[in-house]
Amino acid sequence: MKTSVPKRENELKGSPPSKIMNYKLGPDELAQIVGKPIPASHKEPIKFRSKSKEKE
């Protein structure tokens, strides 16, 4: 499989990365979350299929 090489000029034209926001839950907020079921709106992370076959 080949990997494309990014063009520097395209990288410079693009928008800068968005700001990362760090947040820590306080003890009260954490107590409200721990032990509760996962809401139905939660989606599973995307899983990629590999081309190699797994040995069983």
PDB file of N, CA and C in Angstrom:
ATOM      1  N   MET A   1       0.835  -1.168   0.000  1.00  0.00           N
ATOM      2  CA  MET A   1       0.000   0.000   0.000  1.00  0.00           C
ATOM      3  C   MET A   1       0.883   1.235   0.000  1.00  0.00           C
ATOM      4  N   LYS A   2       0.544   2.195  -0.829  1.00  0.00           N
ATOM      5  CA  LYS A   2       1.352   3.401  -0.934  1.00  0.00           C
ATOM      6  C   LYS A   2       0.764   4.510  -0.076  1.00  0.00           C
ATOM      7  N   THR A   3       1.624   5.361   0.412  1.00  0.00           N
ATOM      8  CA  THR A   3       1.203   6.498   1.214  1.00  0.00           C
ATOM      9  C   THR A   3       1.419   7.761   0.411  1.00  0.00           C
ATOM     10  N   SER A   4       0.400   8.602   0.357  1.00  0.00           N
ATOM     11  CA  SER A   4       0.541   9.847  -0.394  1.00  0.00           C
ATOM     12  C   SER A   4       1.423  10.826   0.381  1.00  0.00           C
ATOM     13  N   VAL A   5       2.131  11.647  -0.343  1.00  0.00           N
ATOM     14  CA  VAL A   5       3.002  12.647   0.260  1.00  0.00           C
ATOM     15  C   VAL A   5       2.272  13.989   0.199  1.00  0.00           C
ATOM     16  N   PRO A   6       2.011  14.619   1.350  1.00  0.00           N
ATOM     17  CA  PRO A   6       1.285  15.881   1.332  1.00  0.00           C
ATOM     18  C   PRO A   6       2.118  17.002   0.714  1.00  0.00           C
ATOM     19  N   LYS A   7       1.429  17.902   0.008  1.00  0.00           N
ATOM     20  CA  LYS A   7       2.110  19.061  -0.569  1.00  0.00           C
ATOM     21  C   LYS A   7       2.174  20.154   0.487  1.00  0.00           C
ATOM     22  N   ARG A   8       3.329  20.713   0.673  1.00  0.00           N
ATOM     23  CA  ARG A   8       3.512  21.743   1.698  1.00  0.00           C
ATOM     24  C   ARG A   8       2.625  22.956   1.436  1.00  0.00           C
ATOM     25  N   GLU A   9       2.478  23.346   0.176  1.00  0.00           N
ATOM     26  CA  GLU A   9       1.673  24.531  -0.128  1.00  0.00           C
ATOM     27  C   GLU A   9       0.200  24.310   0.238  1.00  0.00           C
ATOM     28  N   ASN A  10      -0.295  23.095   0.089  1.00  0.00           N
ATOM     29  CA  ASN A  10      -1.671  22.800   0.507  1.00  0.00           C
ATOM     30  C   ASN A  10      -1.797  22.852   2.029  1.00  0.00           C
ATOM     31  N   GLU A  11      -0.787  22.393   2.721  1.00  0.00           N
ATOM     32  CA  GLU A  11      -0.804  22.426   4.176  1.00  0.00           C
ATOM     33  C   GLU A  11      -0.830  23.864   4.692  1.00  0.00           C
ATOM     34  N   LEU A  12      -0.091  24.742   4.035  1.00  0.00           N
ATOM     35  CA  LEU A  12      -0.027  26.134   4.467  1.00  0.00           C
ATOM     36  C   LEU A  12      -1.327  26.882   4.169  1.00  0.00           C
ATOM     37  N   LYS A  13      -2.050  26.492   3.110  1.00  0.00           N
ATOM     38  CA  LYS A  13      -3.296  27.145   2.741  1.00  0.00           C
ATOM     39  C   LYS A  13      -4.443  26.764   3.687  1.00  0.00           C
ATOM     40  N   GLY A  14      -4.359  25.609   4.285  1.00  0.00           N
ATOM     41  CA  GLY A  14      -5.440  25.103   5.126  1.00  0.00           C
ATOM     42  C   GLY A  14      -5.599  25.895   6.408  1.00  0.00           C
ATOM     43  N   SER A  15      -6.718  25.671   7.061  1.00  0.00           N
ATOM     44  CA  SER A  15      -6.966  26.366   8.324  1.00  0.00           C
ATOM     45  C   SER A  15      -6.116  25.739   9.425  1.00  0.00           C
ATOM     46  N   PRO A  16      -5.756  26.527  10.437  1.00  0.00           N
ATOM     47  CA  PRO A  16      -4.954  25.969  11.535  1.00  0.00           C
ATOM     48  C   PRO A  16      -5.796  24.989  12.347  1.00  0.00           C
ATOM     49  N   PRO A  17      -5.164  24.081  13.066  1.00  0.00           N
ATOM     50  CA  PRO A  17      -5.924  23.131  13.873  1.00  0.00           C
ATOM     51  C   PRO A  17      -6.714  23.865  14.960  1.00  0.00           C
ATOM     52  N   SER A  18      -7.843  23.293  15.326  1.00  0.00           N
ATOM     53  CA  SER A  18      -8.670  23.927  16.357  1.00  0.00           C
ATOM     54  C   SER A  18      -8.011  23.772  17.729  1.00  0.00           C
ATOM     55  N   LYS A  19      -8.408  24.636  18.634  1.00  0.00           N
ATOM     56  CA  LYS A  19      -7.844  24.656  19.980  1.00  0.00           C
ATOM     57  C   LYS A  19      -8.341  23.443  20.762  1.00  0.00           C
ATOM     58  N   ILE A  20      -7.466  22.809  21.498  1.00  0.00           N
ATOM     59  CA  ILE A  20      -7.824  21.669  22.333  1.00  0.00           C
ATOM     60  C   ILE A  20      -8.211  22.187  23.709  1.00  0.00           C
ATOM     61  N   MET A  21      -9.361  21.742  24.178  1.00  0.00           N
ATOM     62  CA  MET A  21      -9.827  22.182  25.484  1.00  0.00           C
ATOM     63  C   MET A  21      -9.728  21.014  26.462  1.00  0.00           C
ATOM     64  N   ASN A  22      -9.009  21.212  27.538  1.00  0.00           N
ATOM     65  CA  ASN A  22      -8.889  20.194  28.580  1.00  0.00           C
ATOM     66  C   ASN A  22      -9.887  20.512  29.677  1.00  0.00           C
ATOM     67  N   TYR A  23     -10.490  19.479  30.228  1.00  0.00           N
ATOM     68  CA  TYR A  23     -11.466  19.674  31.278  1.00  0.00           C
ATOM     69  C   TYR A  23     -11.405  18.492  32.230  1.00  0.00           C
ATOM     70  N   LYS A  24     -11.386  18.766  33.505  1.00  0.00           N
ATOM     71  CA  LYS A  24     -11.403  17.706  34.510  1.00  0.00           C
ATOM     72  C   LYS A  24     -12.720  17.780  35.264  1.00  0.00           C
ATOM     73  N   LEU A  25     -13.324  16.629  35.444  1.00  0.00           N
ATOM     74  CA  LEU A  25     -14.568  16.573  36.195  1.00  0.00           C
ATOM     75  C   LEU A  25     -14.276  16.675  37.682  1.00  0.00           C
ATOM     76  N   GLY A  26     -15.104  17.433  38.362  1.00  0.00           N
ATOM     77  CA  GLY A  26     -14.993  17.537  39.813  1.00  0.00           C
ATOM     78  C   GLY A  26     -15.562  16.287  40.461  1.00  0.00           C
ATOM     79  N   PRO A  27     -15.338  16.105  41.741  1.00  0.00           N
ATOM     80  CA  PRO A  27     -15.836  14.901  42.426  1.00  0.00           C
ATOM     81  C   PRO A  27     -17.357  14.741  42.327  1.00  0.00           C
ATOM     82  N   ASP A  28     -18.099  15.841  42.403  1.00  0.00           N
ATOM     83  CA  ASP A  28     -19.560  15.759  42.320  1.00  0.00           C
ATOM     84  C   ASP A  28     -20.003  15.345  40.923  1.00  0.00           C
ATOM     85  N   GLU A  29     -19.390  15.937  39.882  1.00  0.00           N
ATOM     86  CA  GLU A  29     -19.740  15.604  38.498  1.00  0.00           C
ATOM     87  C   GLU A  29     -19.383  14.153  38.182  1.00  0.00           C
ATOM     88  N   LEU A  30     -18.250  13.713  38.669  1.00  0.00           N
ATOM     89  CA  LEU A  30     -17.801  12.346  38.422  1.00  0.00           C
ATOM     90  C   LEU A  30     -18.731  11.341  39.099  1.00  0.00           C
ATOM     91  N   ALA A  31     -19.195  11.652  40.302  1.00  0.00           N
ATOM     92  CA  ALA A  31     -20.101  10.764  41.028  1.00  0.00           C
ATOM     93  C   ALA A  31     -21.427  10.611  40.290  1.00  0.00           C
ATOM     94  N   GLN A  32     -21.854  11.631  39.557  1.00  0.00           N
ATOM     95  CA  GLN A  32     -23.109  11.558  38.807  1.00  0.00           C
ATOM     96  C   GLN A  32     -22.995  10.624  37.608  1.00  0.00           C
ATOM     97  N   ILE A  33     -21.793  10.451  37.074  1.00  0.00           N
ATOM     98  CA  ILE A  33     -21.594   9.660  35.857  1.00  0.00           C
ATOM     99  C   ILE A  33     -21.273   8.205  36.155  1.00  0.00           C
ATOM    100  N   VAL A  34     -20.436   7.950  37.138  1.00  0.00           N
ATOM    101  CA  VAL A  34     -19.944   6.602  37.423  1.00  0.00           C
ATOM    102  C   VAL A  34     -21.087   5.671  37.808  1.00  0.00           C
ATOM    103  N   GLY A  35     -21.125   4.503  37.178  1.00  0.00           N
ATOM    104  CA  GLY A  35     -22.105   3.478  37.516  1.00  0.00           C
ATOM    105  C   GLY A  35     -23.415   3.585  36.771  1.00  0.00           C
ATOM    106  N   LYS A  36     -23.606   4.615  35.947  1.00  0.00           N
ATOM    107  CA  LYS A  36     -24.849   4.750  35.198  1.00  0.00           C
ATOM    108  C   LYS A  36     -24.704   4.067  33.839  1.00  0.00           C
ATOM    109  N   PRO A  37     -25.815   3.605  33.265  1.00  0.00           N
ATOM    110  CA  PRO A  37     -25.735   2.962  31.953  1.00  0.00           C
ATOM    111  C   PRO A  37     -25.350   3.965  30.861  1.00  0.00           C
ATOM    112  N   ILE A  38     -24.777   3.438  29.789  1.00  0.00           N
ATOM    113  CA  ILE A  38     -24.369   4.287  28.661  1.00  0.00           C
ATOM    114  C   ILE A  38     -25.625   4.717  27.911  1.00  0.00           C
ATOM    115  N   PRO A  39     -25.775   6.022  27.636  1.00  0.00           N
ATOM    116  CA  PRO A  39     -26.979   6.481  26.937  1.00  0.00           C
ATOM    117  C   PRO A  39     -27.076   5.904  25.520  1.00  0.00           C
ATOM    118  N   ALA A  40     -28.306   5.781  25.015  1.00  0.00           N
ATOM    119  CA  ALA A  40     -28.549   5.217  23.686  1.00  0.00           C
ATOM    120  C   ALA A  40     -27.950   6.093  22.589  1.00  0.00           C
ATOM    121  N   SER A  41     -27.750   7.375  22.871  1.00  0.00           N
ATOM    122  CA  SER A  41     -27.197   8.286  21.862  1.00  0.00           C
ATOM    123  C   SER A  41     -25.702   8.063  21.643  1.00  0.00           C
ATOM    124  N   HIS A  42     -25.051   7.306  22.535  1.00  0.00           N
ATOM    125  CA  HIS A  42     -23.609   7.042  22.405  1.00  0.00           C
ATOM    126  C   HIS A  42     -23.368   6.123  21.221  1.00  0.00           C
ATOM    127  N   LYS A  43     -22.376   6.463  20.403  1.00  0.00           N
ATOM    128  CA  LYS A  43     -22.053   5.644  19.234  1.00  0.00           C
ATOM    129  C   LYS A  43     -20.723   4.958  19.444  1.00  0.00           C
ATOM    130  N   GLU A  44     -20.630   3.736  18.942  1.00  0.00           N
ATOM    131  CA  GLU A  44     -19.390   2.962  19.009  1.00  0.00           C
ATOM    132  C   GLU A  44     -18.330   3.623  18.137  1.00  0.00           C
ATOM    133  N   PRO A  45     -17.065   3.563  18.513  1.00  0.00           N
ATOM    134  CA  PRO A  45     -16.019   4.084  17.633  1.00  0.00           C
ATOM    135  C   PRO A  45     -15.958   3.278  16.338  1.00  0.00           C
ATOM    136  N   ILE A  46     -15.512   3.909  15.287  1.00  0.00           N
ATOM    137  CA  ILE A  46     -15.417   3.242  13.988  1.00  0.00           C
ATOM    138  C   ILE A  46     -14.311   2.196  14.046  1.00  0.00           C
ATOM    139  N   LYS A  47     -14.614   1.012  13.570  1.00  0.00           N
ATOM    140  CA  LYS A  47     -13.618  -0.059  13.525  1.00  0.00           C
ATOM    141  C   LYS A  47     -13.265  -0.311  12.067  1.00  0.00           C
ATOM    142  N   PHE A  48     -11.999  -0.399  11.776  1.00  0.00           N
ATOM    143  CA  PHE A  48     -11.543  -0.633  10.414  1.00  0.00           C
ATOM    144  C   PHE A  48     -11.240  -2.111  10.234  1.00  0.00           C
ATOM    145  N   ARG A  49     -11.649  -2.622   9.092  1.00  0.00           N
ATOM    146  CA  ARG A  49     -11.352  -4.011   8.780  1.00  0.00           C
ATOM    147  C   ARG A  49      -9.951  -4.097   8.201  1.00  0.00           C
ATOM    148  N   SER A  50      -9.184  -5.043   8.669  1.00  0.00           N
ATOM    149  CA  SER A  50      -7.857  -5.232   8.111  1.00  0.00           C
ATOM    150  C   SER A  50      -7.955  -6.213   6.950  1.00  0.00           C
ATOM    151  N   LYS A  51      -7.030  -6.121   6.036  1.00  0.00           N
ATOM    152  CA  LYS A  51      -7.039  -7.014   4.875  1.00  0.00           C
ATOM    153  C   LYS A  51      -6.521  -8.395   5.220  1.00  0.00           C
ATOM    154  N   SER A  52      -5.729  -8.490   6.271  1.00  0.00           N
ATOM    155  CA  SER A  52      -5.217  -9.802   6.654  1.00  0.00           C
ATOM    156  C   SER A  52      -6.293 -10.558   7.426  1.00  0.00           C
ATOM    157  N   LYS A  53      -6.345 -11.859   7.218  1.00  0.00           N
ATOM    158  CA  LYS A  53      -7.343 -12.681   7.905  1.00  0.00           C
ATOM    159  C   LYS A  53      -6.803 -13.103   9.257  1.00  0.00           C
ATOM    160  N   GLU A  54      -7.670 -13.008  10.265  1.00  0.00           N
ATOM    161  CA  GLU A  54      -7.261 -13.411  11.596  1.00  0.00           C
ATOM    162  C   GLU A  54      -7.260 -14.933  11.697  1.00  0.00           C
ATOM    163  N   LYS A  55      -6.275 -15.465  12.399  1.00  0.00           N
ATOM    164  CA  LYS A  55      -6.196 -16.915  12.609  1.00  0.00           C
ATOM    165  C   LYS A  55      -7.058 -17.269  13.809  1.00  0.00           C
ATOM    166  N   GLU A  56      -7.873 -18.294  13.653  1.00  0.00           N
ATOM    167  CA  GLU A  56      -8.748 -18.710  14.754  1.00  0.00           C
ATOM    168  C   GLU A  56      -8.236 -19.931  15.432  1.00  0.00           C
TER     169      GLU A  56
END
